[in-house]
Amino acid sequence: MKGCVNMTDLSVNAQVKAITDALKKENAEFKTLTAEQKKKKAHEGLVKIGIINEKGEFTEPYVALGAKNVQ
């Protein structure tokens, strides 16, 4: 893809800067969302990394964490 950089071609400091810049951009974009859009994006992120399923239920091994911390 044009404009994409292979992170392994960068120095460690350059990798940290690239990741930091991407997170700052994502955070700035997140701040512009409505409360409902933020909730949806957070839900999608938790599903994407496997902490919850589409229904919002904790997946293994996070069930115990949810039982302990969600009331």
PDB file of N, CA and C in Angstrom:
ATOM      1  N   MET A   1       0.833  -1.189   0.000  1.00  0.00           N
ATOM      2  CA  MET A   1       0.000   0.000   0.000  1.00  0.00           C
ATOM      3  C   MET A   1       0.872   1.245   0.000  1.00  0.00           C
ATOM      4  N   LYS A   2       0.490   2.199  -0.776  1.00  0.00           N
ATOM      5  CA  LYS A   2       1.225   3.444  -0.843  1.00  0.00           C
ATOM      6  C   LYS A   2       1.073   4.211   0.476  1.00  0.00           C
ATOM      7  N   GLY A   3       2.186   4.705   0.989  1.00  0.00           N
ATOM      8  CA  GLY A   3       2.150   5.478   2.222  1.00  0.00           C
ATOM      9  C   GLY A   3       2.276   4.649   3.489  1.00  0.00           C
ATOM     10  N   CYS A   4       2.251   3.331   3.375  1.00  0.00           N
ATOM     11  CA  CYS A   4       2.387   2.463   4.539  1.00  0.00           C
ATOM     12  C   CYS A   4       3.864   2.197   4.799  1.00  0.00           C
ATOM     13  N   VAL A   5       4.215   2.152   6.071  1.00  0.00           N
ATOM     14  CA  VAL A   5       5.584   1.877   6.467  1.00  0.00           C
ATOM     15  C   VAL A   5       5.597   0.583   7.248  1.00  0.00           C
ATOM     16  N   ASN A   6       6.548  -0.288   6.927  1.00  0.00           N
ATOM     17  CA  ASN A   6       6.717  -1.513   7.695  1.00  0.00           C
ATOM     18  C   ASN A   6       7.391  -1.129   9.006  1.00  0.00           C
ATOM     19  N   MET A   7       6.698  -1.357  10.121  1.00  0.00           N
ATOM     20  CA  MET A   7       7.212  -0.938  11.427  1.00  0.00           C
ATOM     21  C   MET A   7       8.569  -1.566  11.736  1.00  0.00           C
ATOM     22  N   THR A   8       8.842  -2.757  11.215  1.00  0.00           N
ATOM     23  CA  THR A   8      10.123  -3.409  11.503  1.00  0.00           C
ATOM     24  C   THR A   8      11.284  -2.710  10.796  1.00  0.00           C
ATOM     25  N   ASP A   9      10.982  -1.859   9.823  1.00  0.00           N
ATOM     26  CA  ASP A   9      12.025  -1.090   9.141  1.00  0.00           C
ATOM     27  C   ASP A   9      12.409   0.163   9.918  1.00  0.00           C
ATOM     28  N   LEU A  10      11.674   0.472  10.973  1.00  0.00           N
ATOM     29  CA  LEU A  10      11.923   1.681  11.762  1.00  0.00           C
ATOM     30  C   LEU A  10      12.729   1.357  13.008  1.00  0.00           C
ATOM     31  N   SER A  11      13.444   2.357  13.513  1.00  0.00           N
ATOM     32  CA  SER A  11      14.136   2.200  14.787  1.00  0.00           C
ATOM     33  C   SER A  11      13.082   2.088  15.891  1.00  0.00           C
ATOM     34  N   VAL A  12      13.506   1.644  17.055  1.00  0.00           N
ATOM     35  CA  VAL A  12      12.574   1.530  18.180  1.00  0.00           C
ATOM     36  C   VAL A  12      11.972   2.895  18.497  1.00  0.00           C
ATOM     37  N   ASN A  13      12.780   3.931  18.526  1.00  0.00           N
ATOM     38  CA  ASN A  13      12.269   5.275  18.816  1.00  0.00           C
ATOM     39  C   ASN A  13      11.264   5.728  17.764  1.00  0.00           C
ATOM     40  N   ALA A  14      11.539   5.424  16.500  1.00  0.00           N
ATOM     41  CA  ALA A  14      10.614   5.792  15.429  1.00  0.00           C
ATOM     42  C   ALA A  14       9.313   5.010  15.546  1.00  0.00           C
ATOM     43  N   GLN A  15       9.394   3.739  15.958  1.00  0.00           N
ATOM     44  CA  GLN A  15       8.186   2.934  16.170  1.00  0.00           C
ATOM     45  C   GLN A  15       7.337   3.532  17.292  1.00  0.00           C
ATOM     46  N   VAL A  16       7.993   3.893  18.398  1.00  0.00           N
ATOM     47  CA  VAL A  16       7.270   4.486  19.536  1.00  0.00           C
ATOM     48  C   VAL A  16       6.604   5.785  19.109  1.00  0.00           C
ATOM     49  N   LYS A  17       7.316   6.619  18.351  1.00  0.00           N
ATOM     50  CA  LYS A  17       6.730   7.879  17.883  1.00  0.00           C
ATOM     51  C   LYS A  17       5.540   7.624  16.968  1.00  0.00           C
ATOM     52  N   ALA A  18       5.666   6.666  16.048  1.00  0.00           N
ATOM     53  CA  ALA A  18       4.568   6.360  15.118  1.00  0.00           C
ATOM     54  C   ALA A  18       3.334   5.885  15.881  1.00  0.00           C
ATOM     55  N   ILE A  19       3.542   5.015  16.851  1.00  0.00           N
ATOM     56  CA  ILE A  19       2.418   4.508  17.649  1.00  0.00           C
ATOM     57  C   ILE A  19       1.806   5.627  18.476  1.00  0.00           C
ATOM     58  N   THR A  20       2.650   6.446  19.099  1.00  0.00           N
ATOM     59  CA  THR A  20       2.162   7.569  19.904  1.00  0.00           C
ATOM     60  C   THR A  20       1.353   8.536  19.053  1.00  0.00           C
ATOM     61  N   ASP A  21       1.861   8.867  17.879  1.00  0.00           N
ATOM     62  CA  ASP A  21       1.139   9.778  16.980  1.00  0.00           C
ATOM     63  C   ASP A  21      -0.211   9.201  16.563  1.00  0.00           C
ATOM     64  N   ALA A  22      -0.241   7.903  16.258  1.00  0.00           N
ATOM     65  CA  ALA A  22      -1.496   7.258  15.857  1.00  0.00           C
ATOM     66  C   ALA A  22      -2.503   7.272  17.001  1.00  0.00           C
ATOM     67  N   LEU A  23      -2.042   7.005  18.217  1.00  0.00           N
ATOM     68  CA  LEU A  23      -2.946   7.013  19.375  1.00  0.00           C
ATOM     69  C   LEU A  23      -3.456   8.418  19.683  1.00  0.00           C
ATOM     70  N   LYS A  24      -2.598   9.416  19.540  1.00  0.00           N
ATOM     71  CA  LYS A  24      -3.030  10.811  19.754  1.00  0.00           C
ATOM     72  C   LYS A  24      -4.111  11.191  18.742  1.00  0.00           C
ATOM     73  N   LYS A  25      -3.902  10.787  17.476  1.00  0.00           N
ATOM     74  CA  LYS A  25      -4.890  11.085  16.432  1.00  0.00           C
ATOM     75  C   LYS A  25      -6.217  10.386  16.734  1.00  0.00           C
ATOM     76  N   GLU A  26      -6.134   9.105  17.115  1.00  0.00           N
ATOM     77  CA  GLU A  26      -7.343   8.350  17.436  1.00  0.00           C
ATOM     78  C   GLU A  26      -8.073   8.973  18.624  1.00  0.00           C
ATOM     79  N   ASN A  27      -7.322   9.398  19.637  1.00  0.00           N
ATOM     80  CA  ASN A  27      -7.919  10.025  20.814  1.00  0.00           C
ATOM     81  C   ASN A  27      -8.606  11.340  20.451  1.00  0.00           C
ATOM     82  N   ALA A  28      -7.970  12.144  19.620  1.00  0.00           N
ATOM     83  CA  ALA A  28      -8.571  13.413  19.192  1.00  0.00           C
ATOM     84  C   ALA A  28      -9.861  13.168  18.414  1.00  0.00           C
ATOM     85  N   GLU A  29      -9.847  12.159  17.535  1.00  0.00           N
ATOM     86  CA  GLU A  29     -11.055  11.826  16.773  1.00  0.00           C
ATOM     87  C   GLU A  29     -12.152  11.307  17.700  1.00  0.00           C
ATOM     88  N   PHE A  30     -11.775  10.511  18.694  1.00  0.00           N
ATOM     89  CA  PHE A  30     -12.739   9.954  19.642  1.00  0.00           C
ATOM     90  C   PHE A  30     -13.452  11.075  20.410  1.00  0.00           C
ATOM     91  N   LYS A  31     -12.711  12.106  20.756  1.00  0.00           N
ATOM     92  CA  LYS A  31     -13.287  13.223  21.523  1.00  0.00           C
ATOM     93  C   LYS A  31     -14.371  13.960  20.751  1.00  0.00           C
ATOM     94  N   THR A  32     -14.379  13.849  19.428  1.00  0.00           N
ATOM     95  CA  THR A  32     -15.378  14.559  18.623  1.00  0.00           C
ATOM     96  C   THR A  32     -16.688  13.784  18.491  1.00  0.00           C
ATOM     97  N   LEU A  33     -16.706  12.529  18.947  1.00  0.00           N
ATOM     98  CA  LEU A  33     -17.890  11.685  18.803  1.00  0.00           C
ATOM     99  C   LEU A  33     -18.950  12.017  19.855  1.00  0.00           C
ATOM    100  N   THR A  34     -20.187  11.697  19.538  1.00  0.00           N
ATOM    101  CA  THR A  34     -21.263  11.821  20.522  1.00  0.00           C
ATOM    102  C   THR A  34     -21.116  10.696  21.547  1.00  0.00           C
ATOM    103  N   ALA A  35     -21.830  10.805  22.651  1.00  0.00           N
ATOM    104  CA  ALA A  35     -21.769   9.769  23.688  1.00  0.00           C
ATOM    105  C   ALA A  35     -22.171   8.406  23.125  1.00  0.00           C
ATOM    106  N   GLU A  36     -23.187   8.378  22.294  1.00  0.00           N
ATOM    107  CA  GLU A  36     -23.647   7.115  21.697  1.00  0.00           C
ATOM    108  C   GLU A  36     -22.593   6.541  20.749  1.00  0.00           C
ATOM    109  N   GLN A  37     -21.956   7.403  19.961  1.00  0.00           N
ATOM    110  CA  GLN A  37     -20.912   6.942  19.050  1.00  0.00           C
ATOM    111  C   GLN A  37     -19.702   6.414  19.830  1.00  0.00           C
ATOM    112  N   LYS A  38     -19.366   7.074  20.943  1.00  0.00           N
ATOM    113  CA  LYS A  38     -18.259   6.615  21.790  1.00  0.00           C
ATOM    114  C   LYS A  38     -18.558   5.232  22.363  1.00  0.00           C
ATOM    115  N   LYS A  39     -19.788   5.049  22.816  1.00  0.00           N
ATOM    116  CA  LYS A  39     -20.190   3.758  23.377  1.00  0.00           C
ATOM    117  C   LYS A  39     -20.088   2.662  22.316  1.00  0.00           C
ATOM    118  N   LYS A  40     -20.552   2.965  21.108  1.00  0.00           N
ATOM    119  CA  LYS A  40     -20.515   1.989  20.025  1.00  0.00           C
ATOM    120  C   LYS A  40     -19.065   1.647  19.658  1.00  0.00           C
ATOM    121  N   LYS A  41     -18.220   2.662  19.561  1.00  0.00           N
ATOM    122  CA  LYS A  41     -16.819   2.438  19.203  1.00  0.00           C
ATOM    123  C   LYS A  41     -16.104   1.625  20.283  1.00  0.00           C
ATOM    124  N   ALA A  42     -16.382   1.915  21.551  1.00  0.00           N
ATOM    125  CA  ALA A  42     -15.787   1.159  22.651  1.00  0.00           C
ATOM    126  C   ALA A  42     -16.238  -0.299  22.598  1.00  0.00           C
ATOM    127  N   HIS A  43     -17.526  -0.520  22.360  1.00  0.00           N
ATOM    128  CA  HIS A  43     -18.074  -1.877  22.244  1.00  0.00           C
ATOM    129  C   HIS A  43     -17.377  -2.623  21.107  1.00  0.00           C
ATOM    130  N   GLU A  44     -17.260  -1.971  19.946  1.00  0.00           N
ATOM    131  CA  GLU A  44     -16.609  -2.601  18.795  1.00  0.00           C
ATOM    132  C   GLU A  44     -15.162  -2.966  19.114  1.00  0.00           C
ATOM    133  N   GLY A  45     -14.467  -2.088  19.833  1.00  0.00           N
ATOM    134  CA  GLY A  45     -13.084  -2.357  20.201  1.00  0.00           C
ATOM    135  C   GLY A  45     -12.949  -3.549  21.127  1.00  0.00           C
ATOM    136  N   LEU A  46     -13.840  -3.650  22.121  1.00  0.00           N
ATOM    137  CA  LEU A  46     -13.796  -4.779  23.056  1.00  0.00           C
ATOM    138  C   LEU A  46     -14.134  -6.094  22.364  1.00  0.00           C
ATOM    139  N   VAL A  47     -15.048  -6.032  21.391  1.00  0.00           N
ATOM    140  CA  VAL A  47     -15.368  -7.235  20.604  1.00  0.00           C
ATOM    141  C   VAL A  47     -14.163  -7.614  19.745  1.00  0.00           C
ATOM    142  N   LYS A  48     -13.562  -6.630  19.112  1.00  0.00           N
ATOM    143  CA  LYS A  48     -12.430  -6.878  18.212  1.00  0.00           C
ATOM    144  C   LYS A  48     -11.267  -7.561  18.924  1.00  0.00           C
ATOM    145  N   ILE A  49     -11.002  -7.180  20.171  1.00  0.00           N
ATOM    146  CA  ILE A  49      -9.879  -7.787  20.894  1.00  0.00           C
ATOM    147  C   ILE A  49     -10.292  -8.990  21.720  1.00  0.00           C
ATOM    148  N   GLY A  50     -11.582  -9.338  21.664  1.00  0.00           N
ATOM    149  CA  GLY A  50     -12.043 -10.585  22.253  1.00  0.00           C
ATOM    150  C   GLY A  50     -12.417 -10.563  23.718  1.00  0.00           C
ATOM    151  N   ILE A  51     -12.594  -9.387  24.301  1.00  0.00           N
ATOM    152  CA  ILE A  51     -12.970  -9.321  25.711  1.00  0.00           C
ATOM    153  C   ILE A  51     -14.463  -9.574  25.895  1.00  0.00           C
ATOM    154  N   ILE A  52     -15.266  -9.080  24.960  1.00  0.00           N
ATOM    155  CA  ILE A  52     -16.708  -9.340  24.991  1.00  0.00           C
ATOM    156  C   ILE A  52     -17.143  -9.857  23.628  1.00  0.00           C
ATOM    157  N   ASN A  53     -18.341 -10.466  23.600  1.00  0.00           N
ATOM    158  CA  ASN A  53     -18.908 -10.894  22.324  1.00  0.00           C
ATOM    159  C   ASN A  53     -19.856  -9.807  21.821  1.00  0.00           C
ATOM    160  N   GLU A  54     -20.488 -10.053  20.684  1.00  0.00           N
ATOM    161  CA  GLU A  54     -21.394  -9.055  20.090  1.00  0.00           C
ATOM    162  C   GLU A  54     -22.545  -8.667  21.024  1.00  0.00           C
ATOM    163  N   LYS A  55     -22.962  -9.596  21.883  1.00  0.00           N
ATOM    164  CA  LYS A  55     -24.058  -9.331  22.818  1.00  0.00           C
ATOM    165  C   LYS A  55     -23.605  -8.527  24.030  1.00  0.00           C
ATOM    166  N   GLY A  56     -22.295  -8.297  24.160  1.00  0.00           N
ATOM    167  CA  GLY A  56     -21.765  -7.565  25.305  1.00  0.00           C
ATOM    168  C   GLY A  56     -21.427  -8.454  26.485  1.00  0.00           C
ATOM    169  N   GLU A  57     -21.435  -9.761  26.274  1.00  0.00           N
ATOM    170  CA  GLU A  57     -21.109 -10.712  27.341  1.00  0.00           C
ATOM    171  C   GLU A  57     -19.607 -10.968  27.338  1.00  0.00           C
ATOM    172  N   PHE A  58     -19.025 -11.099  28.531  1.00  0.00           N
ATOM    173  CA  PHE A  58     -17.602 -11.386  28.635  1.00  0.00           C
ATOM    174  C   PHE A  58     -17.291 -12.757  28.037  1.00  0.00           C
ATOM    175  N   THR A  59     -16.158 -12.849  27.352  1.00  0.00           N
ATOM    176  CA  THR A  59     -15.675 -14.114  26.814  1.00  0.00           C
ATOM    177  C   THR A  59     -14.692 -14.716  27.818  1.00  0.00           C
ATOM    178  N   GLU A  60     -14.399 -16.009  27.638  1.00  0.00           N
ATOM    179  CA  GLU A  60     -13.360 -16.629  28.462  1.00  0.00           C
ATOM    180  C   GLU A  60     -12.028 -16.000  28.064  1.00  0.00           C
ATOM    181  N   PRO A  61     -11.128 -15.718  28.943  1.00  0.00           N
ATOM    182  CA  PRO A  61     -11.141 -15.922  30.389  1.00  0.00           C
ATOM    183  C   PRO A  61     -11.645 -14.703  31.162  1.00  0.00           C
ATOM    184  N   TYR A  62     -12.332 -13.804  30.485  1.00  0.00           N
ATOM    185  CA  TYR A  62     -12.745 -12.541  31.106  1.00  0.00           C
ATOM    186  C   TYR A  62     -14.041 -12.642  31.896  1.00  0.00           C
ATOM    187  N   VAL A  63     -14.700 -13.793  31.861  1.00  0.00           N
ATOM    188  CA  VAL A  63     -15.951 -13.970  32.591  1.00  0.00           C
ATOM    189  C   VAL A  63     -15.743 -13.686  34.076  1.00  0.00           C
ATOM    190  N   ALA A  64     -14.673 -14.223  34.653  1.00  0.00           N
ATOM    191  CA  ALA A  64     -14.394 -14.020  36.074  1.00  0.00           C
ATOM    192  C   ALA A  64     -14.153 -12.554  36.381  1.00  0.00           C
ATOM    193  N   LEU A  65     -13.453 -11.869  35.492  1.00  0.00           N
ATOM    194  CA  LEU A  65     -13.196 -10.446  35.670  1.00  0.00           C
ATOM    195  C   LEU A  65     -14.510  -9.674  35.668  1.00  0.00           C
ATOM    196  N   GLY A  66     -15.392 -10.012  34.737  1.00  0.00           N
ATOM    197  CA  GLY A  66     -16.685  -9.338  34.662  1.00  0.00           C
ATOM    198  C   GLY A  66     -17.533  -9.596  35.886  1.00  0.00           C
ATOM    199  N   ALA A  67     -17.529 -10.822  36.372  1.00  0.00           N
ATOM    200  CA  ALA A  67     -18.320 -11.180  37.549  1.00  0.00           C
ATOM    201  C   ALA A  67     -17.828 -10.413  38.769  1.00  0.00           C
ATOM    202  N   LYS A  68     -16.537 -10.184  38.841  1.00  0.00           N
ATOM    203  CA  LYS A  68     -15.956  -9.504  39.991  1.00  0.00           C
ATOM    204  C   LYS A  68     -16.185  -7.983  39.921  1.00  0.00           C
ATOM    205  N   ASN A  69     -16.145  -7.406  38.726  1.00  0.00           N
ATOM    206  CA  ASN A  69     -16.127  -5.950  38.601  1.00  0.00           C
ATOM    207  C   ASN A  69     -17.396  -5.314  38.042  1.00  0.00           C
ATOM    208  N   VAL A  70     -18.294  -6.094  37.496  1.00  0.00           N
ATOM    209  CA  VAL A  70     -19.522  -5.534  36.932  1.00  0.00           C
ATOM    210  C   VAL A  70     -20.675  -5.901  37.841  1.00  0.00           C
ATOM    211  N   GLN A  71     -21.394  -4.878  38.240  1.00  0.00           N
ATOM    212  CA  GLN A  71     -22.510  -5.132  39.166  1.00  0.00           C
ATOM    213  C   GLN A  71     -23.819  -4.725  38.573  1.00  0.00           C
TER     214      GLN A  71
END
